[in-house]
Amino acid sequence: MPIRIGNAVWEGNLKDGKGKIKLGSGAFEGNYSFGSRFEEKKGTNPEELIGAAHAGCFSMALSHILSQAGYTPKRVNTTAKVYIEKVGEGFKITTIELETEANIPNIEEKEFLKYATDAKKNCPVSQALSGTEIKLKAKLVS
């Protein structure tokens, strides 16, 4: 299996410094700072990237599980909300809320929810983030 690479450079102290995050594939490169991470300033942050990775992994896992069960997913659209909070003297990612809407013909909602819960539990990113509370809201759409 391939090894995936991410890189980050940080210059300066925490409050006034700045950094650059990039993906090894070259598909993304972005600036980040204290302001883009803990305030509402322009730039990216590690939590946003974790959210994108988690949403992508979950969507693929759910599509795969549904396909193996004999369904043909038309679309799985997932958003991951990543919460970082002050805990004690530091910060912690406390919760991730996965919200997915899926267009899956010919499936009953109860069965869909079972597969969505399975994907939440077993996608590789969920497993890597198992120390964080992961919530799921899943909805069928047409």
N, C-alpha and C. Protein backbone atom coordinates (compact mmCIF):
# COMPACT_ATOMS: atom_id res chain seq x y z
N MET A 1 0.84 -1.19 0.00
CA MET A 1 0.00 0.00 0.00
C MET A 1 0.89 1.25 0.00
N PRO A 2 0.42 2.29 -0.64
CA PRO A 2 1.22 3.52 -0.67
C PRO A 2 1.27 4.22 0.68
N ILE A 3 2.29 5.01 0.86
CA ILE A 3 2.42 5.84 2.05
C ILE A 3 2.07 7.26 1.63
N ARG A 4 1.17 7.89 2.37
CA ARG A 4 0.74 9.26 2.06
C ARG A 4 1.53 10.25 2.91
N ILE A 5 1.83 11.40 2.34
CA ILE A 5 2.70 12.36 3.01
C ILE A 5 2.03 13.72 3.09
N GLY A 6 2.14 14.34 4.24
CA GLY A 6 1.75 15.72 4.43
C GLY A 6 2.94 16.45 5.03
N ASN A 7 3.04 17.73 4.77
CA ASN A 7 4.17 18.50 5.27
C ASN A 7 3.67 19.83 5.82
N ALA A 8 4.29 20.29 6.89
CA ALA A 8 3.97 21.60 7.46
C ALA A 8 5.26 22.27 7.92
N VAL A 9 5.34 23.57 7.67
CA VAL A 9 6.44 24.39 8.13
C VAL A 9 5.84 25.50 8.99
N TRP A 10 6.40 25.74 10.16
CA TRP A 10 5.96 26.82 11.05
C TRP A 10 7.13 27.73 11.31
N GLU A 11 6.91 29.05 11.20
CA GLU A 11 7.97 30.03 11.47
C GLU A 11 7.48 31.01 12.52
N GLY A 12 8.24 31.15 13.60
CA GLY A 12 7.90 32.11 14.63
C GLY A 12 7.22 31.46 15.83
N ASN A 13 6.76 32.33 16.74
CA ASN A 13 6.10 31.82 17.94
C ASN A 13 4.63 31.48 17.63
N LEU A 14 3.93 30.93 18.61
CA LEU A 14 2.57 30.45 18.39
C LEU A 14 1.63 31.58 17.97
N LYS A 15 1.62 32.65 18.70
CA LYS A 15 0.62 33.71 18.49
C LYS A 15 0.90 34.53 17.22
N ASP A 16 2.15 34.85 16.95
CA ASP A 16 2.48 35.74 15.84
C ASP A 16 3.09 35.02 14.64
N GLY A 17 3.35 33.73 14.77
CA GLY A 17 3.99 32.98 13.69
C GLY A 17 3.05 32.71 12.53
N LYS A 18 3.60 32.00 11.55
CA LYS A 18 2.82 31.62 10.39
C LYS A 18 3.36 30.32 9.84
N GLY A 19 2.52 29.64 9.08
CA GLY A 19 2.95 28.37 8.54
C GLY A 19 2.35 28.09 7.19
N LYS A 20 2.83 26.99 6.61
CA LYS A 20 2.34 26.52 5.33
C LYS A 20 2.18 25.02 5.43
N ILE A 21 1.00 24.54 5.01
CA ILE A 21 0.71 23.12 4.99
C ILE A 21 0.58 22.70 3.53
N LYS A 22 1.14 21.53 3.19
CA LYS A 22 0.95 21.06 1.83
C LYS A 22 0.85 19.54 1.80
N LEU A 23 0.15 19.08 0.80
CA LEU A 23 0.00 17.65 0.59
C LEU A 23 1.13 17.15 -0.29
N GLY A 24 1.60 15.96 -0.01
CA GLY A 24 2.70 15.38 -0.78
C GLY A 24 2.37 15.23 -2.25
N SER A 25 1.10 15.06 -2.58
CA SER A 25 0.69 14.90 -3.98
C SER A 25 0.74 16.21 -4.75
N GLY A 26 0.82 17.33 -4.02
CA GLY A 26 0.81 18.64 -4.66
C GLY A 26 -0.60 19.16 -4.94
N ALA A 27 -1.63 18.41 -4.53
CA ALA A 27 -3.01 18.80 -4.81
C ALA A 27 -3.48 19.98 -3.97
N PHE A 28 -2.81 20.24 -2.85
CA PHE A 28 -3.21 21.35 -1.98
C PHE A 28 -2.02 21.91 -1.26
N GLU A 29 -2.01 23.23 -1.13
CA GLU A 29 -1.03 23.94 -0.31
C GLU A 29 -1.74 25.17 0.25
N GLY A 30 -1.61 25.39 1.56
CA GLY A 30 -2.30 26.53 2.15
C GLY A 30 -1.55 27.10 3.34
N ASN A 31 -1.81 28.37 3.60
CA ASN A 31 -1.23 29.06 4.74
C ASN A 31 -2.09 28.83 5.97
N TYR A 32 -1.44 28.79 7.12
CA TYR A 32 -2.17 28.70 8.38
C TYR A 32 -1.48 29.53 9.44
N SER A 33 -2.26 29.91 10.47
CA SER A 33 -1.75 30.77 11.52
C SER A 33 -2.56 30.53 12.79
N PHE A 34 -2.15 31.17 13.86
CA PHE A 34 -2.95 31.11 15.09
C PHE A 34 -4.35 31.63 14.80
N GLY A 35 -4.44 32.71 14.05
CA GLY A 35 -5.73 33.31 13.73
C GLY A 35 -6.62 32.42 12.90
N SER A 36 -6.04 31.67 11.94
CA SER A 36 -6.88 30.79 11.11
C SER A 36 -7.25 29.51 11.85
N ARG A 37 -6.56 29.24 12.93
CA ARG A 37 -6.85 28.03 13.69
C ARG A 37 -7.77 28.28 14.88
N PHE A 38 -7.51 29.34 15.61
CA PHE A 38 -8.26 29.57 16.85
C PHE A 38 -9.18 30.79 16.79
N GLU A 39 -9.15 31.50 15.69
CA GLU A 39 -10.02 32.65 15.48
C GLU A 39 -10.68 32.47 14.11
N GLU A 40 -11.17 33.51 13.52
CA GLU A 40 -11.84 33.42 12.22
C GLU A 40 -11.05 34.11 11.11
N LYS A 41 -9.73 34.06 11.21
CA LYS A 41 -8.88 34.71 10.21
C LYS A 41 -8.76 33.83 8.96
N LYS A 42 -8.30 34.43 7.88
CA LYS A 42 -8.14 33.75 6.61
C LYS A 42 -7.01 32.72 6.68
N GLY A 43 -7.20 31.62 5.98
CA GLY A 43 -6.20 30.56 5.94
C GLY A 43 -6.83 29.24 6.33
N THR A 44 -6.06 28.20 6.29
CA THR A 44 -6.54 26.88 6.64
C THR A 44 -6.08 26.52 8.04
N ASN A 45 -6.31 25.28 8.45
CA ASN A 45 -5.87 24.81 9.75
C ASN A 45 -5.91 23.28 9.77
N PRO A 46 -5.22 22.66 10.70
CA PRO A 46 -5.20 21.20 10.74
C PRO A 46 -6.60 20.58 10.91
N GLU A 47 -7.47 21.23 11.68
CA GLU A 47 -8.80 20.67 11.93
C GLU A 47 -9.63 20.62 10.65
N GLU A 48 -9.52 21.65 9.84
CA GLU A 48 -10.24 21.70 8.56
C GLU A 48 -9.76 20.56 7.65
N LEU A 49 -8.48 20.32 7.65
CA LEU A 49 -7.93 19.25 6.83
C LEU A 49 -8.35 17.88 7.35
N ILE A 50 -8.40 17.73 8.67
CA ILE A 50 -8.90 16.50 9.27
C ILE A 50 -10.36 16.29 8.86
N GLY A 51 -11.14 17.36 8.90
CA GLY A 51 -12.55 17.27 8.50
C GLY A 51 -12.70 16.82 7.06
N ALA A 52 -11.93 17.39 6.16
CA ALA A 52 -11.99 16.99 4.75
C ALA A 52 -11.59 15.53 4.58
N ALA A 53 -10.54 15.13 5.26
CA ALA A 53 -10.08 13.73 5.18
C ALA A 53 -11.15 12.78 5.72
N HIS A 54 -11.77 13.15 6.84
CA HIS A 54 -12.77 12.28 7.45
C HIS A 54 -14.01 12.19 6.56
N ALA A 55 -14.46 13.32 6.02
CA ALA A 55 -15.63 13.32 5.14
C ALA A 55 -15.37 12.46 3.89
N GLY A 56 -14.19 12.60 3.32
CA GLY A 56 -13.84 11.82 2.14
C GLY A 56 -13.77 10.34 2.42
N CYS A 57 -13.14 9.99 3.52
CA CYS A 57 -13.00 8.58 3.90
C CYS A 57 -14.36 7.95 4.18
N PHE A 58 -15.18 8.65 4.96
CA PHE A 58 -16.51 8.13 5.30
C PHE A 58 -17.35 7.93 4.04
N SER A 59 -17.36 8.92 3.15
CA SER A 59 -18.17 8.82 1.92
C SER A 59 -17.75 7.61 1.08
N MET A 60 -16.45 7.41 0.95
CA MET A 60 -15.96 6.25 0.19
C MET A 60 -16.32 4.94 0.89
N ALA A 61 -16.15 4.89 2.20
CA ALA A 61 -16.45 3.67 2.95
C ALA A 61 -17.93 3.32 2.85
N LEU A 62 -18.80 4.33 3.00
CA LEU A 62 -20.24 4.07 2.91
C LEU A 62 -20.60 3.59 1.51
N SER A 63 -20.06 4.21 0.49
CA SER A 63 -20.32 3.78 -0.89
C SER A 63 -19.88 2.34 -1.11
N HIS A 64 -18.73 1.99 -0.57
CA HIS A 64 -18.21 0.62 -0.71
C HIS A 64 -19.11 -0.39 0.01
N ILE A 65 -19.49 -0.08 1.24
CA ILE A 65 -20.35 -0.99 2.02
C ILE A 65 -21.68 -1.19 1.31
N LEU A 66 -22.25 -0.12 0.80
CA LEU A 66 -23.53 -0.21 0.09
C LEU A 66 -23.38 -1.03 -1.19
N SER A 67 -22.31 -0.82 -1.92
CA SER A 67 -22.07 -1.59 -3.15
C SER A 67 -21.93 -3.08 -2.86
N GLN A 68 -21.22 -3.40 -1.79
CA GLN A 68 -21.05 -4.81 -1.42
C GLN A 68 -22.37 -5.44 -1.01
N ALA A 69 -23.31 -4.62 -0.53
CA ALA A 69 -24.62 -5.12 -0.12
C ALA A 69 -25.59 -5.18 -1.31
N GLY A 70 -25.12 -4.81 -2.50
CA GLY A 70 -25.94 -4.91 -3.69
C GLY A 70 -26.64 -3.64 -4.12
N TYR A 71 -26.32 -2.52 -3.49
CA TYR A 71 -26.93 -1.23 -3.86
C TYR A 71 -25.97 -0.45 -4.76
N THR A 72 -26.55 0.46 -5.55
CA THR A 72 -25.75 1.30 -6.43
C THR A 72 -25.88 2.75 -5.97
N PRO A 73 -24.93 3.22 -5.16
CA PRO A 73 -25.01 4.61 -4.68
C PRO A 73 -24.88 5.58 -5.85
N LYS A 74 -25.79 6.57 -5.90
CA LYS A 74 -25.67 7.63 -6.91
C LYS A 74 -24.80 8.76 -6.38
N ARG A 75 -24.96 9.07 -5.10
CA ARG A 75 -24.21 10.19 -4.53
C ARG A 75 -24.18 10.07 -3.01
N VAL A 76 -23.02 10.30 -2.42
CA VAL A 76 -22.86 10.40 -0.97
C VAL A 76 -22.14 11.71 -0.71
N ASN A 77 -22.80 12.64 -0.03
CA ASN A 77 -22.25 13.96 0.24
C ASN A 77 -22.12 14.11 1.76
N THR A 78 -20.89 14.24 2.23
CA THR A 78 -20.63 14.28 3.67
C THR A 78 -19.87 15.54 4.06
N THR A 79 -20.30 16.13 5.16
CA THR A 79 -19.60 17.25 5.78
C THR A 79 -19.15 16.79 7.16
N ALA A 80 -17.93 17.14 7.53
CA ALA A 80 -17.42 16.83 8.87
C ALA A 80 -17.16 18.14 9.60
N LYS A 81 -17.82 18.31 10.74
CA LYS A 81 -17.60 19.48 11.58
C LYS A 81 -16.66 19.05 12.71
N VAL A 82 -15.50 19.68 12.76
CA VAL A 82 -14.47 19.32 13.73
C VAL A 82 -14.42 20.41 14.80
N TYR A 83 -14.62 19.99 16.04
CA TYR A 83 -14.64 20.92 17.18
C TYR A 83 -13.33 20.85 17.94
N ILE A 84 -12.65 21.99 18.03
CA ILE A 84 -11.45 22.08 18.86
C ILE A 84 -11.79 23.00 20.02
N GLU A 85 -11.46 22.56 21.23
CA GLU A 85 -11.83 23.32 22.43
C GLU A 85 -10.66 23.37 23.40
N LYS A 86 -10.69 24.39 24.22
CA LYS A 86 -9.69 24.50 25.28
C LYS A 86 -10.02 23.48 26.35
N VAL A 87 -9.08 22.63 26.67
CA VAL A 87 -9.24 21.61 27.70
C VAL A 87 -8.02 21.71 28.60
N GLY A 88 -8.24 22.10 29.84
CA GLY A 88 -7.11 22.29 30.75
C GLY A 88 -6.21 23.39 30.24
N GLU A 89 -4.92 23.10 30.14
CA GLU A 89 -3.95 24.10 29.69
C GLU A 89 -3.77 24.11 28.17
N GLY A 90 -4.36 23.15 27.48
CA GLY A 90 -4.16 23.06 26.04
C GLY A 90 -5.46 22.98 25.28
N PHE A 91 -5.37 22.49 24.06
CA PHE A 91 -6.52 22.35 23.19
C PHE A 91 -6.69 20.89 22.80
N LYS A 92 -7.93 20.52 22.48
CA LYS A 92 -8.22 19.14 22.12
C LYS A 92 -9.35 19.12 21.09
N ILE A 93 -9.22 18.25 20.11
CA ILE A 93 -10.35 17.99 19.21
C ILE A 93 -11.29 17.09 20.00
N THR A 94 -12.44 17.65 20.37
CA THR A 94 -13.35 16.94 21.27
C THR A 94 -14.42 16.14 20.54
N THR A 95 -14.88 16.65 19.41
CA THR A 95 -16.00 16.03 18.71
C THR A 95 -15.86 16.24 17.21
N ILE A 96 -16.30 15.24 16.46
CA ILE A 96 -16.46 15.39 15.02
C ILE A 96 -17.88 14.96 14.70
N GLU A 97 -18.60 15.83 14.02
CA GLU A 97 -19.96 15.51 13.59
C GLU A 97 -19.95 15.26 12.09
N LEU A 98 -20.25 14.03 11.70
CA LEU A 98 -20.39 13.69 10.30
C LEU A 98 -21.85 13.88 9.92
N GLU A 99 -22.09 14.65 8.87
CA GLU A 99 -23.45 14.84 8.36
C GLU A 99 -23.44 14.40 6.91
N THR A 100 -24.23 13.39 6.60
CA THR A 100 -24.22 12.86 5.24
C THR A 100 -25.62 12.80 4.66
N GLU A 101 -25.68 13.11 3.39
CA GLU A 101 -26.90 12.93 2.61
C GLU A 101 -26.54 12.01 1.45
N ALA A 102 -27.35 10.97 1.28
CA ALA A 102 -27.01 9.98 0.26
C ALA A 102 -28.21 9.67 -0.62
N ASN A 103 -27.94 9.56 -1.89
CA ASN A 103 -28.96 9.14 -2.86
C ASN A 103 -28.66 7.68 -3.21
N ILE A 104 -29.43 6.78 -2.62
CA ILE A 104 -29.23 5.35 -2.79
C ILE A 104 -30.58 4.75 -3.21
N PRO A 105 -30.77 4.44 -4.47
CA PRO A 105 -32.05 3.89 -4.90
C PRO A 105 -32.35 2.53 -4.23
N ASN A 106 -33.63 2.31 -3.97
CA ASN A 106 -34.16 1.01 -3.54
C ASN A 106 -33.66 0.53 -2.18
N ILE A 107 -33.35 1.43 -1.27
CA ILE A 107 -32.92 1.00 0.07
C ILE A 107 -33.89 1.58 1.10
N GLU A 108 -34.16 0.80 2.12
CA GLU A 108 -34.98 1.27 3.23
C GLU A 108 -34.11 2.07 4.19
N GLU A 109 -34.71 3.06 4.83
CA GLU A 109 -33.94 3.95 5.70
C GLU A 109 -33.24 3.20 6.83
N LYS A 110 -33.92 2.25 7.44
CA LYS A 110 -33.33 1.51 8.56
C LYS A 110 -32.05 0.79 8.12
N GLU A 111 -32.09 0.18 6.95
CA GLU A 111 -30.92 -0.53 6.44
C GLU A 111 -29.81 0.46 6.09
N PHE A 112 -30.18 1.59 5.47
CA PHE A 112 -29.20 2.63 5.15
C PHE A 112 -28.49 3.12 6.40
N LEU A 113 -29.25 3.37 7.46
CA LEU A 113 -28.66 3.86 8.70
C LEU A 113 -27.71 2.85 9.31
N LYS A 114 -28.03 1.57 9.17
CA LYS A 114 -27.14 0.51 9.66
C LYS A 114 -25.79 0.57 8.91
N TYR A 115 -25.85 0.71 7.59
CA TYR A 115 -24.62 0.78 6.80
C TYR A 115 -23.84 2.07 7.09
N ALA A 116 -24.55 3.18 7.29
CA ALA A 116 -23.88 4.44 7.61
C ALA A 116 -23.15 4.35 8.95
N THR A 117 -23.79 3.73 9.92
CA THR A 117 -23.15 3.55 11.23
C THR A 117 -21.92 2.67 11.12
N ASP A 118 -22.00 1.64 10.30
CA ASP A 118 -20.87 0.76 10.06
C ASP A 118 -19.71 1.54 9.42
N ALA A 119 -20.02 2.38 8.44
CA ALA A 119 -18.98 3.18 7.78
C ALA A 119 -18.33 4.14 8.77
N LYS A 120 -19.14 4.75 9.63
CA LYS A 120 -18.61 5.68 10.64
C LYS A 120 -17.61 4.96 11.56
N LYS A 121 -17.96 3.76 11.95
CA LYS A 121 -17.12 3.00 12.87
C LYS A 121 -15.85 2.47 12.21
N ASN A 122 -15.94 2.10 10.93
CA ASN A 122 -14.86 1.34 10.31
C ASN A 122 -14.03 2.04 9.25
N CYS A 123 -14.40 3.26 8.84
CA CYS A 123 -13.53 3.91 7.85
C CYS A 123 -12.17 4.16 8.52
N PRO A 124 -11.08 4.07 7.77
CA PRO A 124 -9.75 4.22 8.37
C PRO A 124 -9.54 5.52 9.14
N VAL A 125 -10.12 6.63 8.69
CA VAL A 125 -9.92 7.89 9.40
C VAL A 125 -10.68 7.86 10.73
N SER A 126 -11.89 7.30 10.75
CA SER A 126 -12.61 7.16 12.03
C SER A 126 -11.79 6.33 13.00
N GLN A 127 -11.20 5.27 12.51
CA GLN A 127 -10.39 4.41 13.38
C GLN A 127 -9.18 5.18 13.92
N ALA A 128 -8.56 5.99 13.05
CA ALA A 128 -7.40 6.78 13.50
C ALA A 128 -7.79 7.82 14.54
N LEU A 129 -9.04 8.28 14.46
CA LEU A 129 -9.52 9.32 15.38
C LEU A 129 -10.39 8.75 16.50
N SER A 130 -10.19 7.50 16.83
CA SER A 130 -11.07 6.80 17.78
C SER A 130 -11.05 7.42 19.18
N GLY A 131 -10.08 8.24 19.50
CA GLY A 131 -10.06 8.91 20.80
C GLY A 131 -10.96 10.13 20.85
N THR A 132 -11.62 10.43 19.75
CA THR A 132 -12.51 11.58 19.64
C THR A 132 -13.94 11.08 19.49
N GLU A 133 -14.88 11.78 20.12
CA GLU A 133 -16.29 11.42 19.95
C GLU A 133 -16.71 11.73 18.52
N ILE A 134 -17.23 10.73 17.82
CA ILE A 134 -17.68 10.90 16.45
C ILE A 134 -19.19 10.68 16.41
N LYS A 135 -19.91 11.71 15.96
CA LYS A 135 -21.37 11.63 15.86
C LYS A 135 -21.75 11.54 14.39
N LEU A 136 -22.94 10.99 14.12
CA LEU A 136 -23.39 10.83 12.73
C LEU A 136 -24.83 11.23 12.59
N LYS A 137 -25.09 12.05 11.57
CA LYS A 137 -26.45 12.36 11.12
C LYS A 137 -26.49 11.92 9.67
N ALA A 138 -27.32 10.93 9.37
CA ALA A 138 -27.39 10.39 8.02
C ALA A 138 -28.81 10.48 7.49
N LYS A 139 -28.92 10.92 6.24
CA LYS A 139 -30.24 11.13 5.66
C LYS A 139 -30.25 10.66 4.21
N LEU A 140 -31.31 9.96 3.85
CA LEU A 140 -31.51 9.55 2.46
C LEU A 140 -32.18 10.69 1.71
N VAL A 141 -31.73 10.96 0.50
CA VAL A 141 -32.35 11.96 -0.35
C VAL A 141 -32.51 11.36 -1.75
N SER A 142 -33.37 11.99 -2.55
CA SER A 142 -33.52 11.48 -3.91
C SER A 142 -33.13 12.53 -4.92
